[in-house]
């Protein structure tokens, strides 16, 4: 592989980033016709508490990347270890459930902006799209949080590390 603009080989960069364990989310939105779209993502983080906001990095080539600007809002659903199936479906690992059929995995309701939110997510946020920045193959979406739902029960978060889904308990015991 040839070096990226930054000077290192793209595959070396990918291998290095696989060492970074990350939380697993499903990002969602609605297309102009009302159909839901979503992807599994780890590139999500809090931005500011005042006003409550976050950012998400989304590959432009995904359905979500194609509709995000038109939708005006997006949902962020933080998954528990019990929702690995949801993560797999939205990551495209299940060839049976594609397009809007992905939402058959899990129970979903609309947030205040209309973004699909997973009913039993560890936390779910419905965000108004504040700004969308293009950077190479990705879009960085800045969202102002309009609604927040937080699970009250104990749950182990789902993490992604070295191309595998897992849990914090497994990583600590590991």
N, C-alpha and C. Protein backbone atom coordinates (compact mmCIF):
# COMPACT_ATOMS: atom_id res chain seq x y z
N UNK A 1 0.84 -1.19 0.00
CA UNK A 1 0.00 0.00 0.00
C UNK A 1 0.88 1.24 0.00
N UNK A 2 0.36 2.27 -0.60
CA UNK A 2 1.12 3.52 -0.65
C UNK A 2 0.86 4.35 0.60
N UNK A 3 1.81 5.22 0.93
CA UNK A 3 1.63 6.07 2.11
C UNK A 3 0.46 7.03 1.93
N UNK A 4 -0.24 7.32 3.00
CA UNK A 4 -1.32 8.29 3.00
C UNK A 4 -0.72 9.69 2.97
N UNK A 5 -1.56 10.71 2.85
CA UNK A 5 -1.07 12.09 2.85
C UNK A 5 -0.23 12.38 4.07
N UNK A 6 -0.56 11.79 5.21
CA UNK A 6 0.17 12.04 6.45
C UNK A 6 1.53 11.39 6.49
N UNK A 7 1.83 10.53 5.51
CA UNK A 7 3.15 9.96 5.43
C UNK A 7 3.27 8.50 5.85
N UNK A 8 2.22 7.89 6.45
CA UNK A 8 2.32 6.48 6.80
C UNK A 8 1.42 5.66 5.89
N UNK A 9 1.70 4.40 5.84
CA UNK A 9 0.91 3.45 5.06
C UNK A 9 -0.51 3.36 5.63
N UNK A 10 -1.52 3.37 4.78
CA UNK A 10 -2.92 3.34 5.20
C UNK A 10 -3.22 2.09 6.02
N UNK A 11 -2.69 0.95 5.61
CA UNK A 11 -2.93 -0.29 6.36
C UNK A 11 -2.28 -0.25 7.74
N UNK A 12 -1.12 0.38 7.84
CA UNK A 12 -0.47 0.53 9.14
C UNK A 12 -1.33 1.41 10.05
N UNK A 13 -1.89 2.45 9.50
CA UNK A 13 -2.80 3.31 10.27
C UNK A 13 -4.00 2.51 10.77
N UNK A 14 -4.62 1.74 9.89
CA UNK A 14 -5.80 0.95 10.27
C UNK A 14 -5.45 -0.06 11.36
N UNK A 15 -4.32 -0.75 11.23
CA UNK A 15 -3.90 -1.70 12.26
C UNK A 15 -3.70 -1.00 13.60
N UNK A 16 -3.08 0.16 13.57
CA UNK A 16 -2.86 0.91 14.80
C UNK A 16 -4.17 1.34 15.45
N UNK A 17 -5.13 1.80 14.65
CA UNK A 17 -6.41 2.25 15.20
C UNK A 17 -7.25 1.08 15.72
N UNK A 18 -7.00 -0.13 15.21
CA UNK A 18 -7.71 -1.30 15.73
C UNK A 18 -7.31 -1.61 17.17
N UNK A 19 -6.19 -1.09 17.60
CA UNK A 19 -5.75 -1.29 18.98
C UNK A 19 -6.50 -0.38 19.95
N UNK A 20 -7.19 0.61 19.43
CA UNK A 20 -7.94 1.55 20.25
C UNK A 20 -9.34 0.98 20.50
N UNK A 21 -9.58 0.51 21.72
CA UNK A 21 -10.91 0.00 22.06
C UNK A 21 -11.88 1.16 22.11
N UNK A 22 -13.06 0.95 21.55
CA UNK A 22 -14.05 2.02 21.52
C UNK A 22 -15.44 1.52 21.86
N UNK A 23 -16.25 2.45 22.35
CA UNK A 23 -17.65 2.14 22.61
C UNK A 23 -18.36 1.92 21.28
N UNK A 24 -19.47 1.22 21.30
CA UNK A 24 -20.19 0.92 20.07
C UNK A 24 -21.53 1.66 20.10
N UNK A 25 -21.80 2.37 19.02
CA UNK A 25 -23.06 3.09 18.88
C UNK A 25 -23.72 2.71 17.56
N UNK A 26 -24.99 2.98 17.47
CA UNK A 26 -25.69 2.95 16.19
C UNK A 26 -26.18 4.36 15.95
N UNK A 27 -25.74 4.93 14.82
CA UNK A 27 -26.17 6.26 14.41
C UNK A 27 -27.35 6.10 13.46
N UNK A 28 -28.37 6.93 13.65
CA UNK A 28 -29.59 6.80 12.85
C UNK A 28 -30.06 8.15 12.34
N UNK A 29 -30.89 8.12 11.32
CA UNK A 29 -31.55 9.32 10.79
C UNK A 29 -32.72 8.85 9.93
N UNK A 30 -33.46 9.80 9.42
CA UNK A 30 -34.54 9.50 8.49
C UNK A 30 -34.28 10.22 7.18
N UNK A 31 -34.49 9.50 6.09
CA UNK A 31 -34.35 10.09 4.77
C UNK A 31 -35.55 11.00 4.51
N UNK A 32 -35.50 11.76 3.43
CA UNK A 32 -36.57 12.69 3.10
C UNK A 32 -37.92 12.00 2.96
N UNK A 33 -37.92 10.73 2.53
CA UNK A 33 -39.18 9.98 2.39
C UNK A 33 -39.63 9.35 3.71
N UNK A 34 -38.89 9.58 4.78
CA UNK A 34 -39.26 9.05 6.09
C UNK A 34 -38.66 7.71 6.43
N UNK A 35 -37.96 7.08 5.48
CA UNK A 35 -37.40 5.76 5.76
C UNK A 35 -36.18 5.90 6.67
N UNK A 36 -36.06 4.98 7.65
CA UNK A 36 -34.93 5.06 8.59
C UNK A 36 -33.66 4.48 7.98
N UNK A 37 -32.52 5.08 8.34
CA UNK A 37 -31.21 4.58 7.95
C UNK A 37 -30.33 4.57 9.20
N UNK A 38 -29.33 3.68 9.21
CA UNK A 38 -28.46 3.62 10.36
C UNK A 38 -27.19 2.84 10.09
N UNK A 39 -26.17 3.13 10.89
CA UNK A 39 -24.88 2.44 10.79
C UNK A 39 -24.32 2.22 12.20
N UNK A 40 -23.49 1.21 12.33
CA UNK A 40 -22.73 1.01 13.56
C UNK A 40 -21.50 1.91 13.48
N UNK A 41 -21.18 2.58 14.59
CA UNK A 41 -20.05 3.51 14.59
C UNK A 41 -19.37 3.54 15.95
N UNK A 42 -18.06 3.78 15.94
CA UNK A 42 -17.32 3.98 17.18
C UNK A 42 -16.76 5.39 17.26
N UNK A 43 -16.78 6.13 16.18
CA UNK A 43 -16.19 7.47 16.16
C UNK A 43 -17.24 8.51 16.57
N UNK A 44 -17.61 8.46 17.86
CA UNK A 44 -18.59 9.36 18.44
C UNK A 44 -18.03 9.83 19.78
N UNK A 45 -18.17 11.11 20.09
CA UNK A 45 -17.72 11.60 21.39
C UNK A 45 -18.49 12.84 21.82
N UNK A 46 -18.45 13.09 23.13
CA UNK A 46 -19.08 14.30 23.64
C UNK A 46 -18.25 15.50 23.17
N UNK A 47 -18.92 16.62 23.04
CA UNK A 47 -18.23 17.83 22.60
C UNK A 47 -18.27 18.89 23.69
N UNK A 48 -19.47 19.33 24.06
CA UNK A 48 -19.61 20.32 25.12
C UNK A 48 -20.83 19.99 25.97
N UNK A 49 -20.78 20.39 27.24
CA UNK A 49 -21.93 20.23 28.13
C UNK A 49 -22.86 21.43 28.03
N UNK A 50 -22.32 22.58 27.65
CA UNK A 50 -23.12 23.79 27.52
C UNK A 50 -22.82 24.45 26.19
N UNK A 51 -23.66 24.30 25.19
CA UNK A 51 -24.86 23.48 25.21
C UNK A 51 -24.50 22.00 25.05
N UNK A 52 -25.37 21.09 25.52
CA UNK A 52 -25.11 19.66 25.36
C UNK A 52 -24.97 19.31 23.87
N UNK A 53 -23.80 18.82 23.50
CA UNK A 53 -23.56 18.51 22.10
C UNK A 53 -22.53 17.39 21.97
N UNK A 54 -22.53 16.78 20.80
CA UNK A 54 -21.59 15.70 20.51
C UNK A 54 -21.20 15.78 19.05
N UNK A 55 -20.24 14.93 18.69
CA UNK A 55 -19.85 14.84 17.29
C UNK A 55 -19.72 13.37 16.89
N UNK A 56 -19.94 13.14 15.63
CA UNK A 56 -19.84 11.78 15.08
C UNK A 56 -19.17 11.86 13.72
N UNK A 57 -18.32 10.88 13.45
CA UNK A 57 -17.66 10.79 12.16
C UNK A 57 -18.33 9.68 11.36
N UNK A 58 -18.74 10.01 10.15
CA UNK A 58 -19.55 9.10 9.34
C UNK A 58 -18.95 9.01 7.93
N UNK A 59 -18.75 7.78 7.47
CA UNK A 59 -18.25 7.59 6.11
C UNK A 59 -19.30 8.10 5.13
N UNK A 60 -18.85 8.92 4.19
CA UNK A 60 -19.75 9.51 3.21
C UNK A 60 -20.45 8.47 2.33
N UNK A 61 -19.81 7.31 2.15
CA UNK A 61 -20.35 6.30 1.24
C UNK A 61 -21.50 5.49 1.86
N UNK A 62 -21.79 5.68 3.14
CA UNK A 62 -22.89 4.96 3.78
C UNK A 62 -24.22 5.65 3.46
N UNK A 63 -25.31 4.90 3.65
CA UNK A 63 -26.64 5.48 3.47
C UNK A 63 -26.82 6.67 4.39
N UNK A 64 -26.34 6.54 5.62
CA UNK A 64 -26.47 7.64 6.58
C UNK A 64 -25.70 8.86 6.08
N UNK A 65 -24.49 8.65 5.58
CA UNK A 65 -23.71 9.76 5.05
C UNK A 65 -24.41 10.47 3.91
N UNK A 66 -25.15 9.71 3.11
CA UNK A 66 -25.85 10.28 1.96
C UNK A 66 -27.07 11.10 2.37
N UNK A 67 -27.72 10.77 3.48
CA UNK A 67 -28.96 11.46 3.85
C UNK A 67 -28.81 12.44 5.01
N UNK A 68 -27.68 12.43 5.67
CA UNK A 68 -27.54 13.22 6.90
C UNK A 68 -27.83 14.70 6.70
N UNK A 69 -27.30 15.29 5.65
CA UNK A 69 -27.51 16.72 5.42
C UNK A 69 -28.98 17.03 5.19
N UNK A 70 -29.68 16.16 4.48
CA UNK A 70 -31.11 16.37 4.21
C UNK A 70 -31.98 16.15 5.44
N UNK A 71 -31.55 15.27 6.33
CA UNK A 71 -32.39 14.90 7.47
C UNK A 71 -32.47 16.00 8.52
N UNK A 72 -31.38 16.72 8.72
CA UNK A 72 -31.38 17.79 9.70
C UNK A 72 -31.26 17.33 11.15
N UNK A 73 -31.26 16.03 11.37
CA UNK A 73 -31.10 15.48 12.72
C UNK A 73 -30.55 14.07 12.62
N UNK A 74 -30.05 13.58 13.77
CA UNK A 74 -29.56 12.21 13.81
C UNK A 74 -29.63 11.70 15.24
N UNK A 75 -29.70 10.38 15.37
CA UNK A 75 -29.73 9.74 16.67
C UNK A 75 -28.43 9.03 16.95
N UNK A 76 -28.07 8.99 18.24
CA UNK A 76 -26.88 8.27 18.70
C UNK A 76 -27.35 7.31 19.78
N UNK A 77 -27.15 6.01 19.56
CA UNK A 77 -27.60 4.97 20.46
C UNK A 77 -26.38 4.21 20.98
N UNK A 78 -26.13 4.29 22.29
CA UNK A 78 -24.98 3.63 22.90
C UNK A 78 -25.40 2.22 23.31
N UNK A 79 -24.72 1.20 22.80
CA UNK A 79 -25.14 -0.18 22.97
C UNK A 79 -24.53 -0.85 24.20
N UNK A 80 -25.32 -1.78 24.75
CA UNK A 80 -24.83 -2.65 25.83
C UNK A 80 -24.32 -3.95 25.21
N UNK A 81 -23.64 -4.75 26.02
CA UNK A 81 -23.12 -6.03 25.53
C UNK A 81 -24.23 -6.95 25.05
N UNK A 82 -25.43 -6.74 25.55
CA UNK A 82 -26.58 -7.57 25.14
C UNK A 82 -27.07 -7.21 23.74
N UNK A 83 -26.55 -6.15 23.16
CA UNK A 83 -27.03 -5.68 21.86
C UNK A 83 -26.02 -5.91 20.74
N UNK A 84 -25.19 -6.91 20.90
CA UNK A 84 -24.20 -7.21 19.88
C UNK A 84 -24.88 -7.53 18.55
N UNK A 85 -26.03 -8.16 18.59
CA UNK A 85 -26.77 -8.47 17.35
C UNK A 85 -27.14 -7.18 16.61
N UNK A 86 -27.59 -6.18 17.35
CA UNK A 86 -27.94 -4.89 16.74
C UNK A 86 -26.68 -4.30 16.08
N UNK A 87 -25.56 -4.34 16.78
CA UNK A 87 -24.30 -3.82 16.24
C UNK A 87 -23.93 -4.55 14.94
N UNK A 88 -24.05 -5.86 14.94
CA UNK A 88 -23.70 -6.64 13.75
C UNK A 88 -24.61 -6.31 12.57
N UNK A 89 -25.89 -6.20 12.83
CA UNK A 89 -26.85 -5.89 11.77
C UNK A 89 -26.53 -4.53 11.14
N UNK A 90 -26.33 -3.51 11.97
CA UNK A 90 -26.08 -2.17 11.45
C UNK A 90 -24.67 -2.01 10.88
N UNK A 91 -23.78 -2.95 11.19
CA UNK A 91 -22.44 -2.96 10.59
C UNK A 91 -22.45 -3.69 9.25
N UNK A 92 -23.59 -4.25 8.86
CA UNK A 92 -23.69 -4.95 7.58
C UNK A 92 -23.22 -6.38 7.63
N UNK A 93 -23.07 -6.95 8.84
CA UNK A 93 -22.62 -8.33 8.97
C UNK A 93 -23.74 -9.34 8.74
N UNK A 94 -24.96 -8.88 8.70
CA UNK A 94 -26.12 -9.73 8.46
C UNK A 94 -26.67 -9.36 7.09
N UNK A 95 -26.53 -10.22 6.12
CA UNK A 95 -26.96 -9.94 4.74
C UNK A 95 -28.47 -10.09 4.58
N UNK A 96 -29.16 -10.65 5.59
CA UNK A 96 -30.63 -10.81 5.52
C UNK A 96 -31.34 -9.49 5.80
N UNK A 97 -30.83 -8.75 6.78
CA UNK A 97 -31.46 -7.49 7.16
C UNK A 97 -30.66 -6.33 6.59
N UNK A 98 -31.19 -5.74 5.54
CA UNK A 98 -30.52 -4.61 4.89
C UNK A 98 -31.50 -3.44 4.80
N UNK A 99 -30.97 -2.28 4.50
CA UNK A 99 -31.82 -1.10 4.36
C UNK A 99 -32.63 -0.85 5.62
N UNK A 100 -33.89 -0.47 5.44
CA UNK A 100 -34.74 -0.17 6.59
C UNK A 100 -35.10 -1.43 7.38
N UNK A 101 -34.88 -2.62 6.81
CA UNK A 101 -35.14 -3.87 7.54
C UNK A 101 -34.17 -4.06 8.71
N UNK A 102 -33.06 -3.32 8.73
CA UNK A 102 -32.13 -3.40 9.85
C UNK A 102 -32.84 -3.07 11.17
N UNK A 103 -33.86 -2.23 11.10
CA UNK A 103 -34.57 -1.81 12.30
C UNK A 103 -35.46 -2.90 12.88
N UNK A 104 -35.50 -4.07 12.24
CA UNK A 104 -36.17 -5.23 12.82
C UNK A 104 -35.34 -5.80 13.98
N UNK A 105 -34.06 -5.46 14.01
CA UNK A 105 -33.18 -5.85 15.13
C UNK A 105 -33.36 -4.79 16.21
N UNK A 106 -33.97 -5.16 17.30
CA UNK A 106 -34.20 -4.21 18.39
C UNK A 106 -35.57 -3.57 18.30
N UNK A 107 -35.90 -2.83 19.35
CA UNK A 107 -37.17 -2.11 19.42
C UNK A 107 -36.85 -0.62 19.38
N UNK A 108 -37.47 0.10 18.45
CA UNK A 108 -37.13 1.49 18.18
C UNK A 108 -38.34 2.40 18.32
N UNK A 109 -38.13 3.60 18.82
CA UNK A 109 -39.14 4.64 18.81
C UNK A 109 -38.46 5.93 18.35
N UNK A 110 -39.25 6.83 17.83
CA UNK A 110 -38.70 8.09 17.35
C UNK A 110 -38.43 9.06 18.48
N UNK A 111 -37.32 9.78 18.37
CA UNK A 111 -37.03 10.86 19.29
C UNK A 111 -37.80 12.10 18.89
N UNK A 112 -37.59 13.19 19.60
CA UNK A 112 -38.34 14.42 19.34
C UNK A 112 -38.10 14.98 17.94
N UNK A 113 -36.93 14.72 17.36
CA UNK A 113 -36.63 15.18 16.00
C UNK A 113 -36.98 14.13 14.95
N UNK A 114 -37.45 12.98 15.39
CA UNK A 114 -37.80 11.92 14.45
C UNK A 114 -36.72 10.89 14.22
N UNK A 115 -35.57 11.04 14.86
CA UNK A 115 -34.50 10.05 14.70
C UNK A 115 -34.87 8.78 15.45
N UNK A 116 -34.67 7.60 14.84
CA UNK A 116 -34.93 6.35 15.54
C UNK A 116 -33.99 6.16 16.73
N UNK A 117 -34.58 5.89 17.90
CA UNK A 117 -33.80 5.65 19.11
C UNK A 117 -34.11 4.25 19.62
N UNK A 118 -33.06 3.52 19.99
CA UNK A 118 -33.19 2.15 20.48
C UNK A 118 -33.75 2.19 21.89
N UNK A 119 -34.88 1.52 22.10
CA UNK A 119 -35.59 1.60 23.38
C UNK A 119 -34.75 1.21 24.58
N UNK A 120 -33.92 0.18 24.46
CA UNK A 120 -33.16 -0.28 25.62
C UNK A 120 -31.66 -0.01 25.50
N UNK A 121 -31.30 1.05 24.78
CA UNK A 121 -29.90 1.45 24.69
C UNK A 121 -29.41 1.91 26.06
N UNK A 122 -28.11 1.82 26.30
CA UNK A 122 -27.55 2.36 27.54
C UNK A 122 -27.89 3.85 27.65
N UNK A 123 -27.76 4.54 26.53
CA UNK A 123 -28.17 5.93 26.42
C UNK A 123 -28.49 6.18 24.95
N UNK A 124 -29.40 7.10 24.72
CA UNK A 124 -29.76 7.46 23.35
C UNK A 124 -29.97 8.97 23.30
N UNK A 125 -29.48 9.58 22.24
CA UNK A 125 -29.59 11.02 22.06
C UNK A 125 -30.21 11.32 20.70
N UNK A 126 -31.16 12.23 20.68
CA UNK A 126 -31.70 12.73 19.42
C UNK A 126 -31.09 14.11 19.24
N UNK A 127 -30.37 14.31 18.16
CA UNK A 127 -29.60 15.53 17.95
C UNK A 127 -30.10 16.32 16.74
N UNK A 128 -30.12 17.61 16.88
CA UNK A 128 -30.33 18.51 15.75
C UNK A 128 -28.96 18.71 15.10
N UNK A 129 -28.90 18.53 13.79
CA UNK A 129 -27.64 18.71 13.08
C UNK A 129 -27.26 20.19 13.10
N UNK A 130 -26.17 20.51 13.76
CA UNK A 130 -25.71 21.89 13.91
C UNK A 130 -24.76 22.27 12.78
N UNK A 131 -23.86 21.35 12.44
CA UNK A 131 -22.89 21.62 11.39
C UNK A 131 -22.41 20.29 10.83
N UNK A 132 -22.09 20.28 9.55
CA UNK A 132 -21.56 19.09 8.89
C UNK A 132 -20.29 19.51 8.16
N UNK A 133 -19.16 18.87 8.52
CA UNK A 133 -17.87 19.22 7.94
C UNK A 133 -17.36 18.03 7.13
N UNK A 134 -16.98 18.29 5.88
CA UNK A 134 -16.43 17.24 5.03
C UNK A 134 -14.92 17.16 5.24
N UNK A 135 -14.45 15.92 5.43
CA UNK A 135 -13.01 15.69 5.57
C UNK A 135 -12.68 14.38 4.85
N UNK A 136 -12.13 14.49 3.67
CA UNK A 136 -11.74 13.34 2.88
C UNK A 136 -12.93 12.41 2.65
N UNK A 137 -12.85 11.18 3.13
CA UNK A 137 -13.92 10.19 2.90
C UNK A 137 -15.05 10.29 3.91
N UNK A 138 -14.91 11.18 4.90
CA UNK A 138 -15.87 11.21 6.00
C UNK A 138 -16.53 12.57 6.19
N UNK A 139 -17.62 12.54 6.92
CA UNK A 139 -18.34 13.73 7.35
C UNK A 139 -18.24 13.77 8.87
N UNK A 140 -18.00 14.93 9.42
CA UNK A 140 -18.05 15.10 10.87
C UNK A 140 -19.33 15.86 11.16
N UNK A 141 -20.23 15.20 11.88
CA UNK A 141 -21.53 15.79 12.21
C UNK A 141 -21.48 16.32 13.64
N UNK A 142 -21.79 17.59 13.78
CA UNK A 142 -21.89 18.22 15.09
C UNK A 142 -23.37 18.28 15.43
N UNK A 143 -23.75 17.70 16.57
CA UNK A 143 -25.15 17.65 16.94
C UNK A 143 -25.44 18.32 18.26
N UNK A 144 -26.49 19.13 18.27
CA UNK A 144 -27.00 19.72 19.51
C UNK A 144 -28.05 18.75 20.04
N UNK A 145 -27.89 18.30 21.27
CA UNK A 145 -28.76 17.26 21.81
C UNK A 145 -30.11 17.85 22.19
N UNK A 146 -31.16 17.33 21.54
CA UNK A 146 -32.53 17.77 21.79
C UNK A 146 -33.23 16.89 22.81
N UNK A 147 -32.81 15.62 22.87
CA UNK A 147 -33.43 14.66 23.79
C UNK A 147 -32.37 13.67 24.23
N UNK A 148 -32.45 13.27 25.50
CA UNK A 148 -31.53 12.30 26.06
C UNK A 148 -32.34 11.26 26.82
N UNK A 149 -32.08 10.00 26.53
CA UNK A 149 -32.68 8.88 27.26
C UNK A 149 -31.55 8.05 27.84
N UNK A 150 -31.62 7.77 29.15
CA UNK A 150 -30.56 7.02 29.80
C UNK A 150 -31.18 5.82 30.52
N UNK A 151 -30.62 4.64 30.29
CA UNK A 151 -31.08 3.41 30.95
C UNK A 151 -30.76 3.48 32.44
N UNK A 152 -31.69 3.02 33.24
CA UNK A 152 -31.48 3.04 34.69
C UNK A 152 -30.85 1.76 35.21
N UNK A 153 -30.96 0.68 34.47
CA UNK A 153 -30.46 -0.61 34.93
C UNK A 153 -28.96 -0.76 34.71
N UNK A 154 -28.34 -1.69 35.46
CA UNK A 154 -26.92 -1.94 35.25
C UNK A 154 -26.71 -2.70 33.94
N UNK A 155 -25.68 -2.34 33.24
CA UNK A 155 -25.37 -3.03 31.99
C UNK A 155 -23.91 -2.80 31.64
N UNK A 156 -23.32 -3.79 31.04
CA UNK A 156 -21.94 -3.71 30.58
C UNK A 156 -21.95 -3.14 29.16
N UNK A 157 -21.18 -2.09 28.88
CA UNK A 157 -21.19 -1.52 27.53
C UNK A 157 -20.54 -2.46 26.52
N UNK A 158 -21.00 -2.36 25.29
CA UNK A 158 -20.39 -3.11 24.19
C UNK A 158 -19.20 -2.30 23.69
N UNK A 159 -18.07 -2.97 23.50
CA UNK A 159 -16.89 -2.29 22.97
C UNK A 159 -16.43 -3.01 21.70
N UNK A 160 -15.60 -2.31 20.94
CA UNK A 160 -15.05 -2.84 19.70
C UNK A 160 -13.53 -2.70 19.79
N UNK A 161 -12.83 -3.83 19.60
CA UNK A 161 -11.37 -3.84 19.71
C UNK A 161 -10.80 -4.88 18.77
N UNK A 162 -9.83 -4.51 18.01
CA UNK A 162 -9.16 -5.41 17.06
C UNK A 162 -10.17 -6.17 16.18
N UNK A 163 -11.15 -5.42 15.69
CA UNK A 163 -12.17 -5.91 14.76
C UNK A 163 -13.13 -6.92 15.39
N UNK A 164 -13.25 -6.90 16.73
CA UNK A 164 -14.16 -7.79 17.44
C UNK A 164 -15.02 -7.01 18.43
N UNK A 165 -16.27 -7.43 18.58
CA UNK A 165 -17.12 -6.88 19.62
C UNK A 165 -16.84 -7.62 20.92
N UNK A 166 -16.87 -6.92 22.04
CA UNK A 166 -16.61 -7.53 23.33
C UNK A 166 -17.17 -6.68 24.45
N UNK A 167 -16.71 -6.99 25.67
CA UNK A 167 -17.19 -6.25 26.84
C UNK A 167 -16.00 -5.79 27.66
N UNK A 168 -16.24 -4.85 28.53
CA UNK A 168 -15.20 -4.38 29.44
C UNK A 168 -14.76 -5.50 30.36
N UNK A 169 -15.72 -6.30 30.84
CA UNK A 169 -15.38 -7.40 31.76
C UNK A 169 -14.42 -8.38 31.10
N UNK A 170 -14.67 -8.70 29.84
CA UNK A 170 -13.79 -9.62 29.11
C UNK A 170 -12.41 -9.00 28.90
N UNK A 171 -12.39 -7.69 28.64
CA UNK A 171 -11.11 -7.01 28.41
C UNK A 171 -10.29 -6.99 29.69
N UNK A 172 -10.92 -6.77 30.85
CA UNK A 172 -10.21 -6.72 32.12
C UNK A 172 -9.72 -8.12 32.51
N UNK A 173 -10.57 -9.12 32.28
CA UNK A 173 -10.22 -10.49 32.64
C UNK A 173 -9.16 -11.06 31.69
N UNK A 174 -9.17 -10.53 30.47
CA UNK A 174 -8.43 -10.97 29.39
C UNK A 174 -7.14 -11.47 29.27
